[in-house]
């Protein structure tokens, strides 16, 4: 870095999965290299700097850092879209960000998966079936129902041949 300064009104930076060394000038990073933010995603030491996603250290209701995922980053972006107009007008948003726990489904081979969602924990064929339904839902949104069903059936045939 040359140390040159650039004047700007609004700076949006969308890159990487961790804070870079240049952020050390802004604030102290946490032990995972993330920027501490408040409930409105303002960086702790600079109220005019916002951070979301992997770069932000978001705290839950007990004050513990929450895990980062793509779903969390999408939720944070939606919240910041809502809250930013209030903040830019020097108003406090009506409600702060609340982290939502997202479930997960992991296919562990063949027709076997592990699922955790809203306190429900499943393993085995049923979790695999729910995973396939999740894939079907996504594929329908992208390519339509008929092609989505063909794709899921093809995947089931290919990836479960050795079962």
Protein backbone atom coordinates (compact mmCIF):
# COMPACT_ATOMS: atom_id res chain seq x y z
CA UNK A 1 0.00 0.00 0.00
CA UNK A 2 1.28 3.43 -0.94
CA UNK A 3 -0.46 5.30 1.86
CA UNK A 4 -2.34 7.54 -0.58
CA UNK A 5 -5.73 8.74 0.63
CA UNK A 6 -8.80 8.83 -1.61
CA UNK A 7 -11.76 11.10 -0.87
CA UNK A 8 -15.22 9.51 -1.20
CA UNK A 9 -18.80 10.01 -0.08
CA UNK A 10 -19.80 6.32 0.02
CA UNK A 11 -17.39 3.41 -0.17
CA UNK A 12 -18.71 -0.12 -0.63
CA UNK A 13 -16.17 -2.90 -0.52
CA UNK A 14 -17.27 -6.45 -1.21
CA UNK A 15 -14.34 -8.82 -1.29
CA UNK A 16 -12.64 -11.61 0.59
CA UNK A 17 -13.52 -13.73 3.57
CA UNK A 18 -11.46 -12.05 6.27
CA UNK A 19 -10.31 -8.59 7.28
CA UNK A 20 -7.08 -7.51 5.62
CA UNK A 21 -4.19 -5.87 7.41
CA UNK A 22 -5.24 -2.36 6.35
CA UNK A 23 -8.22 -2.61 8.72
CA UNK A 24 -5.81 -2.46 11.65
CA UNK A 25 -5.97 1.33 11.25
CA UNK A 26 -9.74 1.24 11.78
CA UNK A 27 -10.10 -0.97 14.83
CA UNK A 28 -8.75 -3.90 16.76
CA UNK A 29 -9.70 -7.21 15.13
CA UNK A 30 -10.99 -10.17 17.14
CA UNK A 31 -8.92 -13.37 17.41
CA UNK A 32 -10.42 -14.68 14.12
CA UNK A 33 -9.47 -11.50 12.26
CA UNK A 34 -12.98 -10.01 12.14
CA UNK A 35 -14.13 -6.45 12.76
CA UNK A 36 -16.27 -6.05 15.91
CA UNK A 37 -19.64 -4.52 15.02
CA UNK A 38 -22.68 -3.35 16.99
CA UNK A 39 -26.27 -4.51 16.47
CA UNK A 40 -26.57 -2.19 13.44
CA UNK A 41 -23.32 -3.52 11.82
CA UNK A 42 -21.40 -0.34 12.55
CA UNK A 43 -17.72 -1.00 13.25
CA UNK A 44 -17.15 -0.49 16.97
CA UNK A 45 -14.73 2.45 16.69
CA UNK A 46 -16.13 4.10 13.54
CA UNK A 47 -19.90 4.59 13.37
CA UNK A 48 -19.73 5.52 9.67
CA UNK A 49 -18.12 2.20 8.68
CA UNK A 50 -20.30 -0.91 8.29
CA UNK A 51 -19.30 -4.55 7.99
CA UNK A 52 -21.33 -7.69 7.34
CA UNK A 53 -20.62 -11.32 6.49
CA UNK A 54 -17.34 -13.09 7.19
CA UNK A 55 -15.51 -9.86 8.00
CA UNK A 56 -17.93 -8.89 10.80
CA UNK A 57 -17.86 -10.21 14.38
CA UNK A 58 -21.58 -10.28 15.22
CA UNK A 59 -22.59 -11.06 18.81
CA UNK A 60 -25.64 -13.09 19.86
CA UNK A 61 -27.98 -12.22 22.74
CA UNK A 62 -25.48 -13.70 25.26
CA UNK A 63 -22.62 -11.59 23.86
CA UNK A 64 -20.89 -14.51 22.12
CA UNK A 65 -19.71 -14.32 18.49
CA UNK A 66 -22.01 -16.14 16.09
CA UNK A 67 -20.78 -18.44 13.35
CA UNK A 68 -20.70 -17.07 9.82
CA UNK A 69 -22.43 -18.68 6.86
CA UNK A 70 -23.72 -17.55 3.49
CA UNK A 71 -27.26 -17.56 4.90
CA UNK A 72 -26.16 -15.31 7.77
CA UNK A 73 -24.48 -12.87 5.35
CA UNK A 74 -27.67 -12.72 3.26
CA UNK A 75 -29.75 -12.02 6.40
CA UNK A 76 -27.29 -9.34 7.49
CA UNK A 77 -27.43 -7.68 4.07
CA UNK A 78 -31.25 -7.62 4.15
CA UNK A 79 -31.16 -6.07 7.62
CA UNK A 80 -28.60 -3.42 6.61
CA UNK A 81 -30.73 -2.49 3.57
CA UNK A 82 -33.57 -1.90 6.04
CA UNK A 83 -31.51 -0.09 8.72
CA UNK A 84 -29.18 2.07 6.62
CA UNK A 85 -31.76 4.73 5.65
CA UNK A 86 -32.54 5.27 9.35
CA UNK A 87 -28.85 5.50 10.26
CA UNK A 88 -28.07 7.91 7.40
CA UNK A 89 -30.81 10.21 8.74
CA UNK A 90 -29.21 10.00 12.22
CA UNK A 91 -32.14 7.95 13.50
CA UNK A 92 -31.96 4.70 15.39
CA UNK A 93 -33.61 1.81 13.50
CA UNK A 94 -36.78 0.57 15.23
CA UNK A 95 -35.19 -2.79 16.04
CA UNK A 96 -31.62 -4.14 16.12
CA UNK A 97 -30.39 -7.15 14.14
CA UNK A 98 -31.16 -10.54 15.67
CA UNK A 99 -29.15 -13.51 14.48
CA UNK A 100 -31.23 -16.40 13.12
CA UNK A 101 -29.92 -19.93 13.59
CA UNK A 102 -29.92 -21.71 10.27
CA UNK A 103 -30.06 -25.47 10.08
CA UNK A 104 -27.87 -27.68 7.97
CA UNK A 105 -28.04 -30.86 5.91
CA UNK A 106 -24.85 -32.70 5.05
CA UNK A 107 -24.86 -35.61 2.62
CA UNK A 108 -22.24 -38.04 3.92
CA UNK A 109 -22.34 -40.46 1.01
CA UNK A 110 -24.84 -42.48 -0.92
CA UNK A 111 -28.31 -42.32 0.58
CA UNK A 112 -27.17 -41.12 4.00
CA UNK A 113 -27.22 -37.60 5.43
CA UNK A 114 -27.18 -35.67 8.70
CA UNK A 115 -29.68 -32.89 9.31
CA UNK A 116 -30.16 -30.36 12.11
CA UNK A 117 -32.94 -27.80 11.91
CA UNK A 118 -34.91 -26.02 14.67
CA UNK A 119 -33.95 -28.60 17.28
CA UNK A 120 -34.72 -31.56 14.99
CA UNK A 121 -31.73 -33.82 14.45
CA UNK A 122 -31.97 -36.63 11.89
CA UNK A 123 -29.53 -39.06 10.38
CA UNK A 124 -29.89 -41.66 7.67
CA UNK A 125 -32.23 -42.08 4.75
CA UNK A 126 -34.88 -39.61 5.96
CA UNK A 127 -32.30 -36.82 6.25
CA UNK A 128 -31.06 -37.77 2.75
CA UNK A 129 -34.63 -37.56 1.40
CA UNK A 130 -35.12 -34.11 2.95
CA UNK A 131 -31.79 -33.03 1.40
CA UNK A 132 -33.04 -34.13 -2.00
CA UNK A 133 -36.27 -32.15 -1.46
CA UNK A 134 -34.16 -29.07 -0.62
CA UNK A 135 -32.19 -29.57 -3.84
CA UNK A 136 -35.43 -29.98 -5.78
CA UNK A 137 -36.82 -26.75 -4.36
CA UNK A 138 -33.68 -24.86 -5.37
CA UNK A 139 -33.52 -26.39 -8.86
CA UNK A 140 -37.20 -25.56 -9.48
CA UNK A 141 -36.43 -21.91 -8.74
CA UNK A 142 -33.62 -21.98 -11.32
CA UNK A 143 -34.72 -24.23 -14.21
CA UNK A 144 -38.38 -25.06 -13.65
CA UNK A 145 -40.17 -28.12 -12.32
CA UNK A 146 -39.64 -30.66 -15.13
CA UNK A 147 -35.88 -30.10 -15.53
CA UNK A 148 -35.45 -29.95 -11.75
CA UNK A 149 -37.07 -33.36 -11.25
CA UNK A 150 -34.88 -34.83 -14.02
CA UNK A 151 -31.78 -33.36 -12.41
CA UNK A 152 -32.58 -34.72 -8.93
CA UNK A 153 -33.39 -38.19 -10.29
CA UNK A 154 -30.12 -38.17 -12.26
CA UNK A 155 -28.17 -37.17 -9.14
CA UNK A 156 -29.84 -39.87 -7.08
CA UNK A 157 -28.92 -42.49 -9.69
CA UNK A 158 -25.31 -41.36 -10.10
CA UNK A 159 -24.37 -40.69 -6.48
CA UNK A 160 -26.04 -43.74 -4.99
CA UNK A 161 -24.78 -46.44 -7.38
CA UNK A 162 -22.48 -48.00 -4.80
CA UNK A 163 -25.10 -48.22 -2.04
